[in-house]
């Protein structure tokens, strides 16, 4: 019988549905007011309660392995006028928010995944535009 590694939420009990929701609400509150990414979010999102719930489900699925998120996050982003500067700003807001809410090791778990997400979205968007992009944040 092989042993399995403990789930992340067992290793880091501060990752809860409530703490994830707090991160999402705090981050998007800041992002919506940001001069660079705020207009894009505010134009794209019609129902903020629904969006925040979806994003909370996404992070819950990633870090708590709940499986609640079953969407395709790339698709809606492909229609937005996003540039690398938007992803840089997204991370510049997300990372200090994660560090504010969580202890250092837990914040880094969120940040590592956020950087991978930013790179994946940048590469996916570039590909659909016939461009070539390389990871910039998670390397």
Protein backbone atom coordinates (compact mmCIF):
# COMPACT_ATOMS: atom_id res chain seq x y z
CA UNK A 1 0.00 0.00 0.00
CA UNK A 2 1.42 3.37 -0.97
CA UNK A 3 1.03 6.45 1.14
CA UNK A 4 -0.44 9.56 -0.38
CA UNK A 5 0.70 13.07 0.39
CA UNK A 6 -1.66 15.04 2.63
CA UNK A 7 -4.05 17.35 0.84
CA UNK A 8 -2.93 20.98 0.86
CA UNK A 9 -5.79 22.03 3.13
CA UNK A 10 -4.67 19.41 5.66
CA UNK A 11 -1.13 20.77 5.59
CA UNK A 12 -2.35 24.37 5.72
CA UNK A 13 -5.56 24.63 7.74
CA UNK A 14 -5.78 28.38 7.15
CA UNK A 15 -6.92 27.65 3.59
CA UNK A 16 -10.67 27.51 4.02
CA UNK A 17 -13.66 28.42 1.92
CA UNK A 18 -13.93 31.59 3.99
CA UNK A 19 -10.29 32.62 3.52
CA UNK A 20 -10.49 31.94 -0.21
CA UNK A 21 -13.65 34.06 -0.46
CA UNK A 22 -11.91 36.83 1.48
CA UNK A 23 -8.94 36.75 -0.90
CA UNK A 24 -11.21 36.86 -3.94
CA UNK A 25 -13.40 39.69 -2.59
CA UNK A 26 -10.41 41.75 -1.46
CA UNK A 27 -8.47 41.28 -4.68
CA UNK A 28 -11.37 42.02 -7.01
CA UNK A 29 -12.36 45.03 -4.93
CA UNK A 30 -8.89 46.42 -5.61
CA UNK A 31 -8.79 45.27 -9.23
CA UNK A 32 -12.12 46.93 -10.04
CA UNK A 33 -10.72 50.27 -8.85
CA UNK A 34 -7.40 49.94 -10.66
CA UNK A 35 -6.82 52.37 -13.54
CA UNK A 36 -5.36 49.71 -15.86
CA UNK A 37 -7.32 46.52 -15.26
CA UNK A 38 -10.43 47.95 -13.61
CA UNK A 39 -12.05 49.08 -16.86
CA UNK A 40 -11.53 45.66 -18.45
CA UNK A 41 -13.04 43.82 -15.48
CA UNK A 42 -15.90 46.26 -15.12
CA UNK A 43 -16.77 46.08 -18.82
CA UNK A 44 -16.57 42.28 -18.93
CA UNK A 45 -18.37 41.31 -15.71
CA UNK A 46 -22.10 41.97 -15.55
CA UNK A 47 -22.88 40.06 -12.34
CA UNK A 48 -20.14 40.53 -9.77
CA UNK A 49 -21.71 38.23 -7.17
CA UNK A 50 -21.78 35.40 -9.68
CA UNK A 51 -18.24 36.15 -10.88
CA UNK A 52 -16.81 36.22 -7.34
CA UNK A 53 -18.56 32.95 -6.58
CA UNK A 54 -17.08 31.35 -9.71
CA UNK A 55 -13.59 32.58 -8.91
CA UNK A 56 -13.91 31.33 -5.33
CA UNK A 57 -14.99 27.95 -6.71
CA UNK A 58 -11.96 28.00 -9.02
CA UNK A 59 -9.49 28.59 -6.17
CA UNK A 60 -11.32 26.09 -3.95
CA UNK A 61 -10.97 23.48 -6.66
CA UNK A 62 -7.28 24.25 -7.08
CA UNK A 63 -6.20 24.42 -3.45
CA UNK A 64 -8.79 22.41 -1.56
CA UNK A 65 -9.44 19.91 -4.36
CA UNK A 66 -13.20 20.39 -4.02
CA UNK A 67 -13.90 19.99 -7.73
CA UNK A 68 -16.54 22.71 -7.58
CA UNK A 69 -15.22 24.61 -10.58
CA UNK A 70 -15.82 22.97 -13.92
CA UNK A 71 -15.59 25.96 -16.22
CA UNK A 72 -13.13 26.83 -18.94
CA UNK A 73 -11.40 29.99 -17.73
CA UNK A 74 -9.39 30.62 -20.89
CA UNK A 75 -12.37 31.13 -23.19
CA UNK A 76 -13.78 34.38 -21.72
CA UNK A 77 -10.30 35.89 -21.51
CA UNK A 78 -9.65 35.33 -25.21
CA UNK A 79 -12.26 37.96 -26.07
CA UNK A 80 -10.74 40.65 -23.87
CA UNK A 81 -8.19 43.25 -25.06
CA UNK A 82 -5.50 41.92 -22.72
CA UNK A 83 -1.79 42.64 -23.04
CA UNK A 84 1.17 41.48 -20.95
CA UNK A 85 0.90 44.74 -18.97
CA UNK A 86 -2.56 43.67 -17.78
CA UNK A 87 -1.21 40.39 -16.43
CA UNK A 88 1.69 42.19 -14.77
CA UNK A 89 -0.76 44.48 -13.02
CA UNK A 90 -3.06 41.59 -12.08
CA UNK A 91 -0.15 39.91 -10.33
CA UNK A 92 1.05 43.20 -8.81
CA UNK A 93 -2.34 43.47 -7.10
CA UNK A 94 -2.89 39.77 -6.40
CA UNK A 95 0.44 38.97 -4.77
CA UNK A 96 0.37 41.56 -1.96
CA UNK A 97 -3.29 40.72 -1.34
CA UNK A 98 -2.43 37.04 -0.89
CA UNK A 99 0.45 37.98 1.43
CA UNK A 100 -1.84 40.23 3.45
CA UNK A 101 -4.42 37.49 4.01
CA UNK A 102 -2.28 34.37 4.39
CA UNK A 103 0.92 33.32 6.07
CA UNK A 104 4.00 33.37 3.86
CA UNK A 105 3.97 29.72 2.80
CA UNK A 106 0.26 29.67 2.03
CA UNK A 107 0.45 32.99 0.16
CA UNK A 108 3.25 31.54 -1.95
CA UNK A 109 1.06 28.57 -2.89
CA UNK A 110 -1.56 30.99 -4.23
CA UNK A 111 1.06 33.19 -5.89
CA UNK A 112 2.78 30.31 -7.64
CA UNK A 113 -0.52 29.20 -9.12
CA UNK A 114 -1.48 32.77 -10.06
CA UNK A 115 1.80 33.21 -11.91
CA UNK A 116 1.21 29.97 -13.80
CA UNK A 117 -2.31 31.11 -14.65
CA UNK A 118 -1.01 34.46 -15.93
CA UNK A 119 1.56 32.71 -18.12
CA UNK A 120 -0.99 30.23 -19.43
CA UNK A 121 -3.44 32.97 -20.32
CA UNK A 122 -0.75 35.12 -21.96
CA UNK A 123 0.47 32.20 -24.05
CA UNK A 124 -3.07 31.15 -24.97
CA UNK A 125 -4.06 34.66 -25.98
CA UNK A 126 -0.88 35.15 -27.99
CA UNK A 127 -1.43 31.85 -29.78
CA UNK A 128 -4.95 32.81 -30.85
CA UNK A 129 -3.52 36.07 -32.21
CA UNK A 130 -0.87 34.22 -34.21
CA UNK A 131 1.91 35.38 -31.90
CA UNK A 132 4.51 33.51 -29.90
CA UNK A 133 4.82 34.07 -26.17
CA UNK A 134 6.95 32.51 -23.49
CA UNK A 135 6.32 32.17 -19.76
CA UNK A 136 7.38 35.32 -17.93
CA UNK A 137 6.02 34.89 -14.43
CA UNK A 138 6.40 31.27 -13.40
CA UNK A 139 9.95 30.59 -14.48
